[in-house]
C-alpha atoms as a PDB file:
ATOM      1  CA  MET A   1    -165.578 119.593  50.786  1.00  0.00           C
ATOM      2  CA  PHE A   2    -169.135 119.716  49.533  1.00  0.00           C
ATOM      3  CA  LYS A   3    -172.199 117.540  49.952  1.00  0.00           C
ATOM      4  CA  LEU A   4    -175.001 116.806  47.527  1.00  0.00           C
ATOM      5  CA  ILE A   5    -178.311 116.699  49.413  1.00  0.00           C
ATOM      6  CA  VAL A   6    -180.863 114.530  47.615  1.00  0.00           C
ATOM      7  CA  SER A   7    -184.531 114.761  48.645  1.00  0.00           C
ATOM      8  CA  ILE A   8    -187.311 112.688  47.072  1.00  0.00           C
ATOM      9  CA  VAL A   9    -190.786 114.099  47.707  1.00  0.00           C
ATOM     10  CA  PRO A  10    -194.216 114.152  46.048  1.00  0.00           C
ATOM     11  CA  HIS A  11    -194.551 115.963  42.726  1.00  0.00           C
ATOM     12  CA  ASP A  12    -194.742 119.758  43.011  1.00  0.00           C
ATOM     13  CA  CYS A  13    -193.082 119.697  46.459  1.00  0.00           C
ATOM     14  CA  GLY A  14    -189.501 120.100  45.267  1.00  0.00           C
ATOM     15  CA  GLU A  15    -189.672 123.875  45.690  1.00  0.00           C
ATOM     16  CA  LEU A  16    -190.380 123.340  49.387  1.00  0.00           C
ATOM     17  CA  ILE A  17    -187.008 121.610  49.708  1.00  0.00           C
ATOM     18  CA  THR A  18    -184.972 124.124  47.712  1.00  0.00           C
ATOM     19  CA  SER A  19    -186.614 127.064  49.491  1.00  0.00           C
ATOM     20  CA  ALA A  20    -185.779 125.580  52.901  1.00  0.00           C
ATOM     21  CA  ALA A  21    -182.193 125.014  51.769  1.00  0.00           C
ATOM     22  CA  ALA A  22    -181.902 128.586  50.464  1.00  0.00           C
ATOM     23  CA  ALA A  23    -183.105 129.934  53.832  1.00  0.00           C
ATOM     24  CA  LYS A  24    -179.933 128.510  55.405  1.00  0.00           C
ATOM     25  CA  GLY A  25    -177.499 129.729  52.788  1.00  0.00           C
ATOM     26  CA  ALA A  26    -177.672 127.208  49.942  1.00  0.00           C
ATOM     27  CA  GLY A  27    -177.222 128.821  46.557  1.00  0.00           C
ATOM     28  CA  GLY A  28    -180.115 126.988  44.936  1.00  0.00           C
ATOM     29  CA  GLY A  29    -180.965 123.557  43.646  1.00  0.00           C
ATOM     30  CA  THR A  30    -182.173 121.434  40.773  1.00  0.00           C
ATOM     31  CA  ILE A  31    -185.527 119.657  40.687  1.00  0.00           C
ATOM     32  CA  MET A  32    -186.170 116.642  38.480  1.00  0.00           C
ATOM     33  CA  MET A  33    -189.379 114.697  37.953  1.00  0.00           C
ATOM     34  CA  ALA A  34    -189.406 110.929  38.418  1.00  0.00           C
ATOM     35  CA  ARG A  35    -191.676 108.079  39.449  1.00  0.00           C
ATOM     36  CA  GLY A  36    -191.448 105.847  42.502  1.00  0.00           C
ATOM     37  CA  THR A  37    -191.572 102.048  42.349  1.00  0.00           C
ATOM     38  CA  ALA A  38    -191.786 101.237  46.048  1.00  0.00           C
ATOM     39  CA  GLN A  39    -194.154  98.666  47.509  1.00  0.00           C
ATOM     40  CA  SER A  40    -192.993  98.348  51.112  1.00  0.00           C
ATOM     41  CA  ASN A  41    -190.000  98.382  53.436  1.00  0.00           C
ATOM     42  CA  ILE A  42    -189.429 102.132  53.458  1.00  0.00           C
ATOM     43  CA  ILE A  43    -185.909 102.031  54.825  1.00  0.00           C
ATOM     44  CA  GLN A  44    -184.688 100.481  51.572  1.00  0.00           C
ATOM     45  CA  LEU A  45    -186.406 102.713  49.052  1.00  0.00           C
ATOM     46  CA  LEU A  46    -186.156 105.931  47.114  1.00  0.00           C
ATOM     47  CA  GLY A  47    -189.832 106.072  46.160  1.00  0.00           C
ATOM     48  CA  LEU A  48    -192.949 105.923  48.285  1.00  0.00           C
ATOM     49  CA  GLY A  49    -195.426 104.364  45.867  1.00  0.00           C
ATOM     50  CA  ASP A  50    -195.721 104.150  42.092  1.00  0.00           C
ATOM     51  CA  THR A  51    -196.507 107.855  41.682  1.00  0.00           C
ATOM     52  CA  SER A  52    -194.906 111.019  40.325  1.00  0.00           C
ATOM     53  CA  LYS A  53    -192.040 112.370  42.422  1.00  0.00           C
ATOM     54  CA  ASP A  54    -189.787 115.405  42.580  1.00  0.00           C
ATOM     55  CA  ILE A  55    -186.094 114.842  43.222  1.00  0.00           C
ATOM     56  CA  ALA A  56    -184.394 117.951  44.587  1.00  0.00           C
ATOM     57  CA  TYR A  57    -180.607 118.185  44.327  1.00  0.00           C
ATOM     58  CA  VAL A  58    -178.837 120.823  46.447  1.00  0.00           C
ATOM     59  CA  ILE A  59    -175.050 121.215  46.692  1.00  0.00           C
ATOM     60  CA  VAL A  60    -173.816 122.807  49.916  1.00  0.00           C
ATOM     61  CA  ASP A  61    -170.512 123.441  51.612  1.00  0.00           C
ATOM     62  CA  ASP A  62    -169.752 121.273  54.627  1.00  0.00           C
ATOM     63  CA  SER A  63    -169.884 124.366  56.831  1.00  0.00           C
ATOM     64  CA  ILE A  64    -173.643 124.834  56.312  1.00  0.00           C
ATOM     65  CA  TYR A  65    -174.646 121.233  55.611  1.00  0.00           C
ATOM     66  CA  GLU A  66    -176.155 120.462  59.034  1.00  0.00           C
ATOM     67  CA  ASP A  67    -178.092 123.746  59.126  1.00  0.00           C
ATOM     68  CA  VAL A  68    -179.527 123.112  55.670  1.00  0.00           C
ATOM     69  CA  ARG A  69    -180.368 119.494  56.452  1.00  0.00           C
ATOM     70  CA  LYS A  70    -182.150 120.425  59.703  1.00  0.00           C
ATOM     71  CA  GLU A  71    -184.094 123.207  57.955  1.00  0.00           C
ATOM     72  CA  ILE A  72    -185.355 120.776  55.297  1.00  0.00           C
ATOM     73  CA  ILE A  73    -186.431 118.290  57.968  1.00  0.00           C
ATOM     74  CA  ALA A  74    -188.149 121.052  59.968  1.00  0.00           C
ATOM     75  CA  GLY A  75    -189.903 122.312  56.856  1.00  0.00           C
ATOM     76  CA  THR A  76    -191.453 118.899  56.197  1.00  0.00           C
ATOM     77  CA  GLU A  77    -192.194 117.690  59.733  1.00  0.00           C
ATOM     78  CA  ASN A  78    -195.862 118.661  59.462  1.00  0.00           C
ATOM     79  CA  LYS A  79    -196.349 116.804  56.206  1.00  0.00           C
ATOM     80  CA  LYS A  80    -197.885 113.349  56.065  1.00  0.00           C
ATOM     81  CA  LYS A  81    -195.960 110.373  57.388  1.00  0.00           C
ATOM     82  CA  SER A  82    -193.508 108.978  54.836  1.00  0.00           C
ATOM     83  CA  PHE A  83    -193.688 112.268  52.914  1.00  0.00           C
ATOM     84  CA  GLY A  84    -190.292 111.569  51.387  1.00  0.00           C
ATOM     85  CA  VAL A  85    -186.682 110.694  52.006  1.00  0.00           C
ATOM     86  CA  LEU A  86    -183.446 112.638  52.307  1.00  0.00           C
ATOM     87  CA  PHE A  87    -179.834 111.547  52.087  1.00  0.00           C
ATOM     88  CA  SER A  88    -176.517 113.094  51.111  1.00  0.00           C
ATOM     89  CA  ILE A  89    -173.479 112.153  49.068  1.00  0.00           C
ATOM     90  CA  ASN A  90    -169.957 113.444  49.636  1.00  0.00           C
ATOM     91  CA  ILE A  91    -168.777 114.897  46.345  1.00  0.00           C
ATOM     92  CA  GLY A  92    -165.494 116.477  47.353  1.00  0.00           C
ATOM     93  CA  ASP A  93    -165.002 119.406  44.983  1.00  0.00           C
ATOM     94  CA  PHE A  94    -167.115 120.147  41.944  1.00  0.00           C
ATOM     95  CA  ILE A  95    -166.616 122.103  38.751  1.00  0.00           C
ATOM     96  CA  LYS A  96    -168.806 124.989  37.661  1.00  0.00           C
ATOM     97  CA  ALA A  97    -169.165 126.004  34.037  1.00  0.00           C
ATOM     98  CA  GLY A  98    -166.444 128.457  33.097  1.00  0.00           C
ATOM     99  CA  SER A  99    -164.020 127.293  35.782  1.00  0.00           C
ATOM    100  CA  THR A 100    -161.432 124.562  36.224  1.00  0.00           C
ATOM    101  CA  GLY A 101    -160.880 122.187  39.088  1.00  0.00           C
ATOM    102  CA  ASP A 102    -160.208 118.633  40.142  1.00  0.00           C
ATOM    103  CA  PHE A 103    -162.569 116.182  41.745  1.00  0.00           C
ATOM    104  CA  THR A 104    -161.535 114.679  45.056  1.00  0.00           C
ATOM    105  CA  GLY A 105    -162.534 111.402  46.618  1.00  0.00           C
ATOM    106  CA  ALA A 106    -165.487 110.884  48.932  1.00  0.00           C
ATOM    107  CA  GLU A 107    -165.318 109.821  52.538  1.00  0.00           C
ATOM    108  CA  LYS A 108    -166.683 106.570  53.914  1.00  0.00           C
ATOM    109  CA  ALA A 109    -170.433 106.808  54.460  1.00  0.00           C
ATOM    110  CA  VAL A 110    -171.725 106.049  57.945  1.00  0.00           C
ATOM    111  CA  SER A 111    -175.147 106.790  59.444  1.00  0.00           C
ATOM    112  CA  LYS A 112    -176.547 105.756  62.815  1.00  0.00           C
ATOM    113  CA  ASP A 113    -179.844 104.123  63.714  1.00  0.00           C
ATOM    114  CA  LYS A 114    -181.973 105.072  66.732  1.00  0.00           C
ATOM    115  CA  GLU A 115    -179.817 102.975  69.054  1.00  0.00           C
ATOM    116  CA  GLY A 116    -176.650 104.695  67.842  1.00  0.00           C
ATOM    117  CA  GLU A 117    -175.470 101.676  65.858  1.00  0.00           C
ATOM    118  CA  GLU A 118    -173.557 102.447  62.692  1.00  0.00           C
ATOM    119  CA  MET A 119    -175.693 101.957  59.592  1.00  0.00           C
ATOM    120  CA  LYS A 120    -174.200 102.157  56.100  1.00  0.00           C
ATOM    121  CA  TYR A 121    -176.268 102.795  52.995  1.00  0.00           C
ATOM    122  CA  THR A 122    -175.436 102.613  49.325  1.00  0.00           C
ATOM    123  CA  VAL A 123    -177.146 104.177  46.319  1.00  0.00           C
ATOM    124  CA  VAL A 124    -177.238 101.708  43.438  1.00  0.00           C
ATOM    125  CA  ASN A 125    -177.540 103.609  40.145  1.00  0.00           C
ATOM    126  CA  VAL A 126    -178.558 101.758  36.986  1.00  0.00           C
ATOM    127  CA  ILE A 127    -178.664 103.383  33.530  1.00  0.00           C
ATOM    128  CA  VAL A 128    -180.397 101.267  30.894  1.00  0.00           C
ATOM    129  CA  ASN A 129    -182.180 101.729  27.595  1.00  0.00           C
ATOM    130  CA  LYS A 130    -185.724 103.001  28.075  1.00  0.00           C
ATOM    131  CA  GLY A 131    -188.175 100.314  29.135  1.00  0.00           C
ATOM    132  CA  TYR A 132    -185.742  98.108  31.055  1.00  0.00           C
ATOM    133  CA  ALA A 133    -185.657  99.929  34.414  1.00  0.00           C
ATOM    134  CA  ASP A 134    -188.700  97.996  35.657  1.00  0.00           C
ATOM    135  CA  ASP A 135    -186.923  94.727  34.845  1.00  0.00           C
ATOM    136  CA  ALA A 136    -183.902  95.918  36.811  1.00  0.00           C
ATOM    137  CA  MET A 137    -186.127  96.936  39.728  1.00  0.00           C
ATOM    138  CA  ALA A 138    -187.860  93.542  39.733  1.00  0.00           C
ATOM    139  CA  ALA A 139    -184.487  91.790  39.909  1.00  0.00           C
ATOM    140  CA  ALA A 140    -183.364  94.120  42.695  1.00  0.00           C
ATOM    141  CA  ARG A 141    -186.496  93.348  44.718  1.00  0.00           C
ATOM    142  CA  LYS A 142    -185.824  89.622  44.478  1.00  0.00           C
ATOM    143  CA  ALA A 143    -182.355  90.336  45.890  1.00  0.00           C
ATOM    144  CA  GLY A 144    -183.770  92.283  48.842  1.00  0.00           C
ATOM    145  CA  ALA A 145    -184.372  95.866  47.681  1.00  0.00           C
ATOM    146  CA  GLY A 146    -187.553  97.564  48.825  1.00  0.00           C
ATOM    147  CA  GLY A 147    -188.081  99.931  45.905  1.00  0.00           C
ATOM    148  CA  GLY A 148    -186.502 102.668  43.861  1.00  0.00           C
ATOM    149  CA  THR A 149    -187.029 105.748  41.749  1.00  0.00           C
ATOM    150  CA  ILE A 150    -186.941 105.827  37.951  1.00  0.00           C
ATOM    151  CA  LEU A 151    -185.969 108.953  36.008  1.00  0.00           C
ATOM    152  CA  SER A 152    -186.376 109.356  32.286  1.00  0.00           C
ATOM    153  CA  ALA A 153    -183.247 110.589  30.530  1.00  0.00           C
ATOM    154  CA  ARG A 154    -181.601 110.653  27.141  1.00  0.00           C
ATOM    155  CA  GLY A 155    -178.192 109.765  25.873  1.00  0.00           C
ATOM    156  CA  THR A 156    -175.933 112.440  24.398  1.00  0.00           C
ATOM    157  CA  ALA A 157    -173.337 110.297  22.661  1.00  0.00           C
ATOM    158  CA  LYS A 158    -172.380 111.038  19.044  1.00  0.00           C
ATOM    159  CA  GLU A 159    -171.663 108.234  16.625  1.00  0.00           C
ATOM    160  CA  GLY A 160    -167.937 108.616  17.172  1.00  0.00           C
ATOM    161  CA  ASP A 161    -168.391 108.292  20.932  1.00  0.00           C
ATOM    162  CA  ALA A 162    -169.944 104.829  20.762  1.00  0.00           C
ATOM    163  CA  LYS A 163    -166.664 102.943  20.504  1.00  0.00           C
ATOM    164  CA  PHE A 164    -165.110 104.926  23.322  1.00  0.00           C
ATOM    165  CA  LEU A 165    -168.066 104.543  25.684  1.00  0.00           C
ATOM    166  CA  GLY A 166    -168.896 101.025  24.520  1.00  0.00           C
ATOM    167  CA  MET A 167    -172.609 101.819  24.579  1.00  0.00           C
ATOM    168  CA  GLU A 168    -175.125 101.410  21.790  1.00  0.00           C
ATOM    169  CA  ILE A 169    -176.596 104.766  20.832  1.00  0.00           C
ATOM    170  CA  VAL A 170    -180.207 104.751  22.018  1.00  0.00           C
ATOM    171  CA  PRO A 171    -181.433 108.299  22.676  1.00  0.00           C
ATOM    172  CA  GLU A 172    -183.913 107.511  25.469  1.00  0.00           C
ATOM    173  CA  LYS A 173    -182.612 106.078  28.738  1.00  0.00           C
ATOM    174  CA  ASP A 174    -183.934 105.192  32.181  1.00  0.00           C
ATOM    175  CA  LEU A 175    -181.999 105.933  35.354  1.00  0.00           C
ATOM    176  CA  LEU A 176    -182.954 103.755  38.318  1.00  0.00           C
ATOM    177  CA  MET A 177    -181.791 104.735  41.819  1.00  0.00           C
ATOM    178  CA  ILE A 178    -182.147 102.378  44.781  1.00  0.00           C
ATOM    179  CA  VAL A 179    -181.013 103.025  48.364  1.00  0.00           C
ATOM    180  CA  VAL A 180    -180.123  99.837  50.254  1.00  0.00           C
ATOM    181  CA  PRO A 181    -178.097  98.819  53.303  1.00  0.00           C
ATOM    182  CA  SER A 182    -174.545  98.494  52.033  1.00  0.00           C
ATOM    183  CA  GLU A 183    -174.370  94.840  53.055  1.00  0.00           C
ATOM    184  CA  ASN A 184    -177.065  94.063  50.439  1.00  0.00           C
ATOM    185  CA  ALA A 185    -175.599  96.131  47.602  1.00  0.00           C
ATOM    186  CA  ASP A 186    -173.405  93.415  46.066  1.00  0.00           C
ATOM    187  CA  ASN A 187    -176.274  90.939  45.807  1.00  0.00           C
ATOM    188  CA  ILE A 188    -178.539  93.547  44.243  1.00  0.00           C
ATOM    189  CA  VAL A 189    -175.917  94.630  41.720  1.00  0.00           C
ATOM    190  CA  GLN A 190    -175.269  91.000  40.772  1.00  0.00           C
ATOM    191  CA  ALA A 191    -178.992  90.314  40.318  1.00  0.00           C
ATOM    192  CA  ILE A 192    -179.310  93.244  37.930  1.00  0.00           C
ATOM    193  CA  LYS A 193    -176.105  92.355  36.135  1.00  0.00           C
ATOM    194  CA  ASP A 194    -177.426  88.828  35.448  1.00  0.00           C
ATOM    195  CA  LEU A 195    -180.548  90.069  33.631  1.00  0.00           C
ATOM    196  CA  PRO A 196    -180.827  89.085  29.948  1.00  0.00           C
ATOM    197  CA  CYS A 197    -181.170  92.753  28.997  1.00  0.00           C
ATOM    198  CA  MET A 198    -177.738  93.417  30.536  1.00  0.00           C
ATOM    199  CA  GLN A 199    -175.862  90.707  28.673  1.00  0.00           C
ATOM    200  CA  LYS A 200    -175.268  92.661  25.467  1.00  0.00           C
ATOM    201  CA  ALA A 201    -172.133  94.779  25.567  1.00  0.00           C
ATOM    202  CA  GLY A 202    -173.011  98.418  26.105  1.00  0.00           C
ATOM    203  CA  SER A 203    -176.614  97.732  27.112  1.00  0.00           C
ATOM    204  CA  GLY A 204    -176.350  99.415  30.503  1.00  0.00           C
ATOM    205  CA  ILE A 205    -174.212 100.825  33.291  1.00  0.00           C
ATOM    206  CA  ILE A 206    -174.323 100.142  37.036  1.00  0.00           C
ATOM    207  CA  PHE A 207    -172.447 102.240  39.582  1.00  0.00           C
ATOM    208  CA  CYS A 208    -172.721 102.748  43.329  1.00  0.00           C
ATOM    209  CA  SER A 209    -172.175 105.651  45.716  1.00  0.00           C
ATOM    210  CA  LYS A 210    -172.348 105.939  49.490  1.00  0.00           C
ATOM    211  CA  ALA A 211    -175.425 107.573  51.044  1.00  0.00           C
ATOM    212  CA  HIS A 212    -175.075 109.587  54.247  1.00  0.00           C
ATOM    213  CA  ASP A 213    -177.669 110.597  56.836  1.00  0.00           C
ATOM    214  CA  PHE A 214    -180.582 108.685  55.349  1.00  0.00           C
ATOM    215  CA  THR A 215    -183.688 110.338  56.829  1.00  0.00           C
ATOM    216  CA  LEU A 216    -187.437 109.900  56.394  1.00  0.00           C
ATOM    217  CA  LEU A 217    -189.216 113.220  55.870  1.00  0.00           C
ATOM    218  CA  GLY A 218    -192.668 113.972  57.255  1.00  0.00           C
ATOM    219  CA  LYS A 219    -194.406 113.087  60.492  1.00  0.00           C
ATOM    220  CA  ASN A 220    -192.771 110.395  62.606  1.00  0.00           C
END
């Protein structure tokens, strides 16, 4: 089994995360630039203000996951309070270019709060045509989300793919990621789904994944 460690930190700090991970045996990582949309309620957000962010993705084997996670936390503990967030996603197996393999299912995600109570978190992922991510975030806030992170992306579909994917070909896309307590995920997804911009067939995609070990980075 493997885990995808996702860290969201200020712009130009992604290398700090990947370097810490590499020190404990991780093979490397990928850093993407995004912008945060958070206003408050840190425990429910993926951004810490409407500013530029780095998102560092690191895939590690289960056998070194805890060492890598602890090294990242240690490497950021002297940074400002609410420096960033970290969580992980079980991805089972993964396929590298030039190899073959099958994906396996993920385990149930469970974290614990300070009192040891089980806390479950879900990542709500929304892909929409460029310009509509802020509308989706506004709807999510009304349903209880604290904030999220928006990444700019582009579609890769060819004309012949449109019928299969059911999505209108618009090159530029927005990807919105929101971390919320799992008990709130259904309401947030429904609020986004009900938006006028989501009523046209193929206008967007919403999918959810479980988040493990949600942790605030920086000084406590």
